[in-house]
């Protein structure tokens, strides 16, 4: 099975985290933490800064590493490096996602998370 290496930003602002709904592909409409594929020669942190700039126009600071999440989708294996992040300049504008929300701890399960991303929720809730 092919492995896809991606990064995910858990963007925090006070007591809220930022979530986006996919705007394309097989999992369109599913909620996830923003991010994307790691390109050859990039570190996970570099990929995250680039992806957020490309997809949301904002500049972020990559803070603490949360964990690498491994998940088997039907067509591929996902290896996702997840980090706490914060916006340092600009605004989060949706260029690829179809929707976005700032979620408080008690709202974390109010959206339909993609299967891999939902596995991260208990660990995030613990730190909010």
Protein backbone atom coordinates (compact mmCIF):
# COMPACT_ATOMS: atom_id res chain seq x y z
CA UNK A 1 0.00 0.00 0.00
CA UNK A 2 1.28 3.47 -0.89
CA UNK A 3 2.19 5.75 2.03
CA UNK A 4 1.29 9.43 1.82
CA UNK A 5 3.28 11.71 4.17
CA UNK A 6 1.33 14.80 5.22
CA UNK A 7 1.38 17.46 7.90
CA UNK A 8 -1.47 18.94 9.91
CA UNK A 9 -1.69 22.25 11.75
CA UNK A 10 -3.71 22.41 14.92
CA UNK A 11 -4.01 26.20 14.88
CA UNK A 12 -4.85 27.53 18.31
CA UNK A 13 -6.19 30.95 19.27
CA UNK A 14 -6.96 31.21 22.96
CA UNK A 15 -9.41 28.43 23.81
CA UNK A 16 -10.28 27.57 20.20
CA UNK A 17 -8.81 25.51 17.37
CA UNK A 18 -9.28 25.97 13.63
CA UNK A 19 -10.86 23.23 11.50
CA UNK A 20 -11.61 23.15 7.77
CA UNK A 21 -13.97 21.15 5.58
CA UNK A 22 -12.36 19.66 2.46
CA UNK A 23 -13.46 21.35 -0.73
CA UNK A 24 -12.41 18.62 -3.17
CA UNK A 25 -11.70 14.93 -3.72
CA UNK A 26 -13.08 11.69 -2.32
CA UNK A 27 -13.42 13.13 1.16
CA UNK A 28 -15.05 16.45 0.16
CA UNK A 29 -17.02 17.94 3.04
CA UNK A 30 -15.12 15.98 5.71
CA UNK A 31 -13.55 18.07 8.46
CA UNK A 32 -9.82 18.09 9.02
CA UNK A 33 -6.91 20.04 10.38
CA UNK A 34 -5.40 22.13 7.59
CA UNK A 35 -2.13 21.07 6.03
CA UNK A 36 -1.00 18.96 3.12
CA UNK A 37 1.69 16.82 1.56
CA UNK A 38 5.36 17.08 2.45
CA UNK A 39 7.41 17.76 -0.69
CA UNK A 40 10.84 16.15 -1.25
CA UNK A 41 13.56 18.03 0.64
CA UNK A 42 11.15 19.74 3.06
CA UNK A 43 10.94 19.23 6.78
CA UNK A 44 7.47 18.75 8.24
CA UNK A 45 7.57 22.26 9.70
CA UNK A 46 8.58 23.82 6.35
CA UNK A 47 5.78 21.93 4.59
CA UNK A 48 3.25 23.14 7.14
CA UNK A 49 4.25 26.80 6.77
CA UNK A 50 4.08 26.47 2.96
CA UNK A 51 0.75 24.63 2.91
CA UNK A 52 -0.98 27.10 5.23
CA UNK A 53 0.36 30.01 3.17
CA UNK A 54 -0.91 28.36 -0.06
CA UNK A 55 -4.30 27.22 1.24
CA UNK A 56 -5.18 29.86 3.84
CA UNK A 57 -2.91 32.87 2.97
CA UNK A 58 -1.71 33.28 6.57
CA UNK A 59 1.74 32.94 8.08
CA UNK A 60 1.97 30.51 10.97
CA UNK A 61 4.51 29.60 13.58
CA UNK A 62 4.95 25.87 14.07
CA UNK A 63 5.14 25.25 17.79
CA UNK A 64 5.02 21.94 19.65
CA UNK A 65 4.96 18.55 17.91
CA UNK A 66 1.84 16.63 18.95
CA UNK A 67 2.35 13.21 17.34
CA UNK A 68 2.64 11.29 14.08
CA UNK A 69 -0.68 9.68 13.34
CA UNK A 70 -0.74 6.53 11.21
CA UNK A 71 -4.01 5.59 9.49
CA UNK A 72 -4.97 3.11 6.77
CA UNK A 73 -7.48 4.49 4.29
CA UNK A 74 -8.80 2.02 1.67
CA UNK A 75 -6.47 3.28 -1.09
CA UNK A 76 -3.39 4.43 0.87
CA UNK A 77 -1.62 4.60 4.23
CA UNK A 78 -1.54 8.07 5.78
CA UNK A 79 1.38 9.19 7.92
CA UNK A 80 0.44 12.58 9.38
CA UNK A 81 2.80 14.74 11.47
CA UNK A 82 0.63 16.96 13.69
CA UNK A 83 1.77 20.20 15.34
CA UNK A 84 0.34 22.94 17.51
CA UNK A 85 0.55 26.18 15.52
CA UNK A 86 -0.47 29.80 15.78
CA UNK A 87 -1.11 32.53 13.22
CA UNK A 88 1.63 35.18 13.31
CA UNK A 89 0.42 37.38 10.42
CA UNK A 90 -2.41 37.64 7.95
CA UNK A 91 -5.90 36.23 8.08
CA UNK A 92 -7.06 32.68 7.48
CA UNK A 93 -8.80 32.86 4.07
CA UNK A 94 -10.27 29.75 2.49
CA UNK A 95 -8.71 29.14 -0.93
CA UNK A 96 -9.33 25.37 -1.10
CA UNK A 97 -11.58 24.42 1.83
CA UNK A 98 -15.34 24.76 1.51
CA UNK A 99 -15.93 25.80 5.12
CA UNK A 100 -14.06 26.53 8.35
CA UNK A 101 -14.85 26.94 12.02
CA UNK A 102 -13.14 27.91 15.23
CA UNK A 103 -14.07 25.20 17.73
CA UNK A 104 -14.00 25.34 21.51
CA UNK A 105 -13.27 22.19 23.51
CA UNK A 106 -16.95 21.36 23.97
CA UNK A 107 -17.55 21.77 20.22
CA UNK A 108 -14.78 19.44 19.01
CA UNK A 109 -17.20 16.64 18.13
CA UNK A 110 -19.74 18.97 16.48
CA UNK A 111 -18.25 18.42 13.01
CA UNK A 112 -17.86 15.26 10.93
CA UNK A 113 -14.09 14.70 11.15
CA UNK A 114 -12.24 12.60 8.58
CA UNK A 115 -11.29 9.19 10.05
CA UNK A 116 -7.60 9.96 10.61
CA UNK A 117 -8.19 13.44 12.06
CA UNK A 118 -10.80 12.29 14.58
CA UNK A 119 -8.15 10.09 16.21
CA UNK A 120 -6.32 13.27 17.24
CA UNK A 121 -9.28 14.88 19.02
CA UNK A 122 -8.89 13.27 22.49
CA UNK A 123 -5.22 14.36 22.65
CA UNK A 124 -6.11 17.91 21.54
CA UNK A 125 -9.01 18.18 23.99
CA UNK A 126 -6.62 17.27 26.81
CA UNK A 127 -4.42 20.31 26.01
CA UNK A 128 -7.21 22.87 25.51
